[in-house]
Amino acid sequence: MPRIVFTIGWAIALIAVFAWGAKEGRRFVINTAAVFGAIHFYTQWFHVLGASPGSLLIAGLIACGILYGLQKYNKRFKA
């Protein structure tokens, strides 16, 4: 199987699991999918762009945005 097919398939699967978790109100599933999605994002980001100071800064800012969004979500739907 070509590498790009696996990469895109994995991203689609993570998005689908995330969407299902949001629809069903399953915080654990959402958090897990977000963590795996962030790992996948970082892996692909550095594979394509390399680890330059600028790409590290941008990726770090995106990660902070993801963290902020998850924190707001978890506080909003805390049991």
N, C-alpha and C. Protein backbone atom coordinates (compact mmCIF):
# COMPACT_ATOMS: atom_id res chain seq x y z
N MET A 1 0.85 -1.18 0.00
CA MET A 1 0.00 0.00 0.00
C MET A 1 0.90 1.24 0.00
N PRO A 2 0.62 2.21 -0.86
CA PRO A 2 1.43 3.43 -0.87
C PRO A 2 1.31 4.19 0.45
N ARG A 3 2.38 4.85 0.82
CA ARG A 3 2.43 5.56 2.10
C ARG A 3 1.36 6.64 2.20
N ILE A 4 1.10 7.34 1.10
CA ILE A 4 0.12 8.43 1.14
C ILE A 4 -1.29 7.91 1.42
N VAL A 5 -1.61 6.72 0.92
CA VAL A 5 -2.93 6.14 1.17
C VAL A 5 -3.11 5.87 2.66
N PHE A 6 -2.10 5.30 3.29
CA PHE A 6 -2.16 5.03 4.72
C PHE A 6 -2.27 6.34 5.51
N THR A 7 -1.48 7.34 5.12
CA THR A 7 -1.48 8.62 5.82
C THR A 7 -2.86 9.28 5.76
N ILE A 8 -3.44 9.33 4.59
CA ILE A 8 -4.76 9.95 4.44
C ILE A 8 -5.83 9.11 5.11
N GLY A 9 -5.74 7.79 4.98
CA GLY A 9 -6.71 6.91 5.63
C GLY A 9 -6.69 7.04 7.15
N TRP A 10 -5.50 7.13 7.72
CA TRP A 10 -5.37 7.29 9.17
C TRP A 10 -5.98 8.61 9.63
N ALA A 11 -5.72 9.68 8.88
CA ALA A 11 -6.29 10.98 9.23
C ALA A 11 -7.82 10.95 9.14
N ILE A 12 -8.35 10.34 8.10
CA ILE A 12 -9.81 10.24 7.96
C ILE A 12 -10.41 9.41 9.09
N ALA A 13 -9.75 8.32 9.44
CA ALA A 13 -10.24 7.47 10.54
C ALA A 13 -10.25 8.25 11.86
N LEU A 14 -9.21 9.02 12.12
CA LEU A 14 -9.16 9.82 13.35
C LEU A 14 -10.26 10.87 13.38
N ILE A 15 -10.49 11.52 12.26
CA ILE A 15 -11.56 12.52 12.19
C ILE A 15 -12.92 11.87 12.39
N ALA A 16 -13.11 10.69 11.80
CA ALA A 16 -14.39 9.98 11.95
C ALA A 16 -14.62 9.56 13.41
N VAL A 17 -13.59 9.05 14.06
CA VAL A 17 -13.71 8.65 15.47
C VAL A 17 -13.98 9.88 16.33
N PHE A 18 -13.29 10.97 16.05
CA PHE A 18 -13.50 12.21 16.79
C PHE A 18 -14.95 12.68 16.63
N ALA A 19 -15.45 12.67 15.40
CA ALA A 19 -16.83 13.11 15.14
C ALA A 19 -17.83 12.20 15.84
N TRP A 20 -17.59 10.90 15.81
CA TRP A 20 -18.49 9.96 16.49
C TRP A 20 -18.48 10.23 17.99
N GLY A 21 -17.29 10.42 18.56
CA GLY A 21 -17.19 10.70 19.99
C GLY A 21 -17.91 11.98 20.37
N ALA A 22 -17.82 13.01 19.52
CA ALA A 22 -18.52 14.27 19.80
C ALA A 22 -20.03 14.07 19.72
N LYS A 23 -20.48 13.31 18.74
CA LYS A 23 -21.91 13.07 18.57
C LYS A 23 -22.49 12.29 19.75
N GLU A 24 -21.72 11.33 20.25
CA GLU A 24 -22.18 10.48 21.34
C GLU A 24 -21.85 11.04 22.72
N GLY A 25 -21.11 12.14 22.76
CA GLY A 25 -20.76 12.76 24.05
C GLY A 25 -19.73 11.96 24.84
N ARG A 26 -18.80 11.34 24.17
CA ARG A 26 -17.77 10.52 24.83
C ARG A 26 -16.45 11.30 24.88
N ARG A 27 -16.22 11.92 26.03
CA ARG A 27 -15.03 12.76 26.19
C ARG A 27 -13.74 11.97 26.04
N PHE A 28 -13.70 10.75 26.57
CA PHE A 28 -12.47 9.95 26.48
C PHE A 28 -12.10 9.70 25.02
N VAL A 29 -13.09 9.38 24.21
CA VAL A 29 -12.85 9.11 22.78
C VAL A 29 -12.36 10.38 22.09
N ILE A 30 -12.97 11.50 22.41
CA ILE A 30 -12.57 12.77 21.80
C ILE A 30 -11.13 13.11 22.18
N ASN A 31 -10.80 12.99 23.46
CA ASN A 31 -9.44 13.31 23.91
C ASN A 31 -8.41 12.36 23.30
N THR A 32 -8.75 11.08 23.23
CA THR A 32 -7.82 10.10 22.66
C THR A 32 -7.61 10.37 21.17
N ALA A 33 -8.69 10.61 20.44
CA ALA A 33 -8.57 10.91 19.01
C ALA A 33 -7.78 12.19 18.79
N ALA A 34 -7.97 13.18 19.65
CA ALA A 34 -7.23 14.44 19.52
C ALA A 34 -5.74 14.23 19.75
N VAL A 35 -5.38 13.42 20.74
CA VAL A 35 -3.96 13.16 21.02
C VAL A 35 -3.33 12.41 19.85
N PHE A 36 -3.99 11.36 19.38
CA PHE A 36 -3.44 10.63 18.24
C PHE A 36 -3.42 11.51 17.00
N GLY A 37 -4.42 12.37 16.84
CA GLY A 37 -4.43 13.30 15.72
C GLY A 37 -3.27 14.29 15.79
N ALA A 38 -2.97 14.77 16.99
CA ALA A 38 -1.84 15.69 17.16
C ALA A 38 -0.52 15.00 16.84
N ILE A 39 -0.37 13.76 17.27
CA ILE A 39 0.84 13.00 16.96
C ILE A 39 0.96 12.81 15.45
N HIS A 40 -0.15 12.45 14.81
CA HIS A 40 -0.15 12.26 13.35
C HIS A 40 0.17 13.58 12.65
N PHE A 41 -0.42 14.67 13.13
CA PHE A 41 -0.17 15.98 12.55
C PHE A 41 1.30 16.35 12.64
N TYR A 42 1.90 16.21 13.83
CA TYR A 42 3.31 16.54 14.01
C TYR A 42 4.19 15.68 13.12
N THR A 43 3.91 14.39 13.06
CA THR A 43 4.71 13.49 12.23
C THR A 43 4.68 13.94 10.77
N GLN A 44 3.49 14.19 10.26
CA GLN A 44 3.36 14.61 8.86
C GLN A 44 3.94 16.01 8.65
N TRP A 45 3.74 16.90 9.60
CA TRP A 45 4.25 18.27 9.49
C TRP A 45 5.77 18.25 9.31
N PHE A 46 6.47 17.53 10.17
CA PHE A 46 7.93 17.53 10.11
C PHE A 46 8.45 16.67 8.97
N HIS A 47 7.69 15.68 8.56
CA HIS A 47 8.09 14.87 7.41
C HIS A 47 8.07 15.72 6.15
N VAL A 48 7.08 16.58 6.01
CA VAL A 48 6.93 17.40 4.81
C VAL A 48 7.77 18.67 4.90
N LEU A 49 7.70 19.39 6.02
CA LEU A 49 8.34 20.69 6.14
C LEU A 49 9.72 20.66 6.78
N GLY A 50 10.05 19.59 7.46
CA GLY A 50 11.33 19.54 8.15
C GLY A 50 11.26 20.30 9.47
N ALA A 51 12.29 20.15 10.28
CA ALA A 51 12.31 20.76 11.61
C ALA A 51 13.14 22.04 11.58
N SER A 52 12.61 23.07 10.97
CA SER A 52 13.27 24.37 10.97
C SER A 52 12.71 25.21 12.12
N PRO A 53 13.39 26.26 12.54
CA PRO A 53 12.87 27.07 13.64
C PRO A 53 11.46 27.61 13.36
N GLY A 54 11.20 28.03 12.14
CA GLY A 54 9.88 28.56 11.80
C GLY A 54 8.80 27.50 11.86
N SER A 55 9.10 26.30 11.35
CA SER A 55 8.08 25.24 11.37
C SER A 55 7.84 24.76 12.80
N LEU A 56 8.87 24.76 13.62
CA LEU A 56 8.69 24.38 15.03
C LEU A 56 7.79 25.39 15.75
N LEU A 57 7.99 26.67 15.48
CA LEU A 57 7.17 27.70 16.10
C LEU A 57 5.71 27.59 15.67
N ILE A 58 5.48 27.44 14.39
CA ILE A 58 4.11 27.33 13.88
C ILE A 58 3.42 26.08 14.42
N ALA A 59 4.13 24.95 14.39
CA ALA A 59 3.54 23.71 14.91
C ALA A 59 3.25 23.82 16.40
N GLY A 60 4.13 24.48 17.15
CA GLY A 60 3.89 24.68 18.58
C GLY A 60 2.67 25.55 18.84
N LEU A 61 2.49 26.58 18.04
CA LEU A 61 1.31 27.44 18.19
C LEU A 61 0.03 26.68 17.85
N ILE A 62 0.09 25.85 16.84
CA ILE A 62 -1.08 25.03 16.49
C ILE A 62 -1.38 24.05 17.62
N ALA A 63 -0.34 23.46 18.21
CA ALA A 63 -0.54 22.54 19.33
C ALA A 63 -1.16 23.26 20.52
N CYS A 64 -0.73 24.49 20.78
CA CYS A 64 -1.33 25.26 21.87
C CYS A 64 -2.80 25.54 21.59
N GLY A 65 -3.15 25.80 20.34
CA GLY A 65 -4.55 26.00 19.97
C GLY A 65 -5.38 24.75 20.19
N ILE A 66 -4.82 23.59 19.83
CA ILE A 66 -5.52 22.32 20.05
C ILE A 66 -5.71 22.09 21.55
N LEU A 67 -4.68 22.34 22.34
CA LEU A 67 -4.76 22.18 23.79
C LEU A 67 -5.83 23.09 24.38
N TYR A 68 -5.85 24.34 23.95
CA TYR A 68 -6.83 25.29 24.45
C TYR A 68 -8.25 24.83 24.12
N GLY A 69 -8.45 24.37 22.91
CA GLY A 69 -9.77 23.87 22.51
C GLY A 69 -10.21 22.67 23.32
N LEU A 70 -9.30 21.73 23.56
CA LEU A 70 -9.64 20.56 24.37
C LEU A 70 -9.94 20.94 25.82
N GLN A 71 -9.18 21.88 26.36
CA GLN A 71 -9.44 22.31 27.73
C GLN A 71 -10.82 22.95 27.85
N LYS A 72 -11.17 23.80 26.90
CA LYS A 72 -12.51 24.42 26.93
C LYS A 72 -13.59 23.36 26.80
N TYR A 73 -13.39 22.40 25.91
CA TYR A 73 -14.38 21.34 25.71
C TYR A 73 -14.54 20.52 26.99
N ASN A 74 -13.43 20.13 27.60
CA ASN A 74 -13.49 19.30 28.80
C ASN A 74 -14.10 20.04 29.98
N LYS A 75 -13.84 21.33 30.11
CA LYS A 75 -14.46 22.11 31.19
C LYS A 75 -15.96 22.27 30.96
N ARG A 76 -16.34 22.43 29.72
CA ARG A 76 -17.75 22.64 29.38
C ARG A 76 -18.58 21.39 29.65
N PHE A 77 -18.03 20.22 29.35
CA PHE A 77 -18.79 18.98 29.47
C PHE A 77 -18.31 18.11 30.63
N LYS A 78 -17.73 18.73 31.63
CA LYS A 78 -17.24 17.98 32.78
C LYS A 78 -18.41 17.35 33.52
N ALA A 79 -18.23 16.08 33.87
CA ALA A 79 -19.32 15.35 34.56
C ALA A 79 -19.37 15.69 36.02
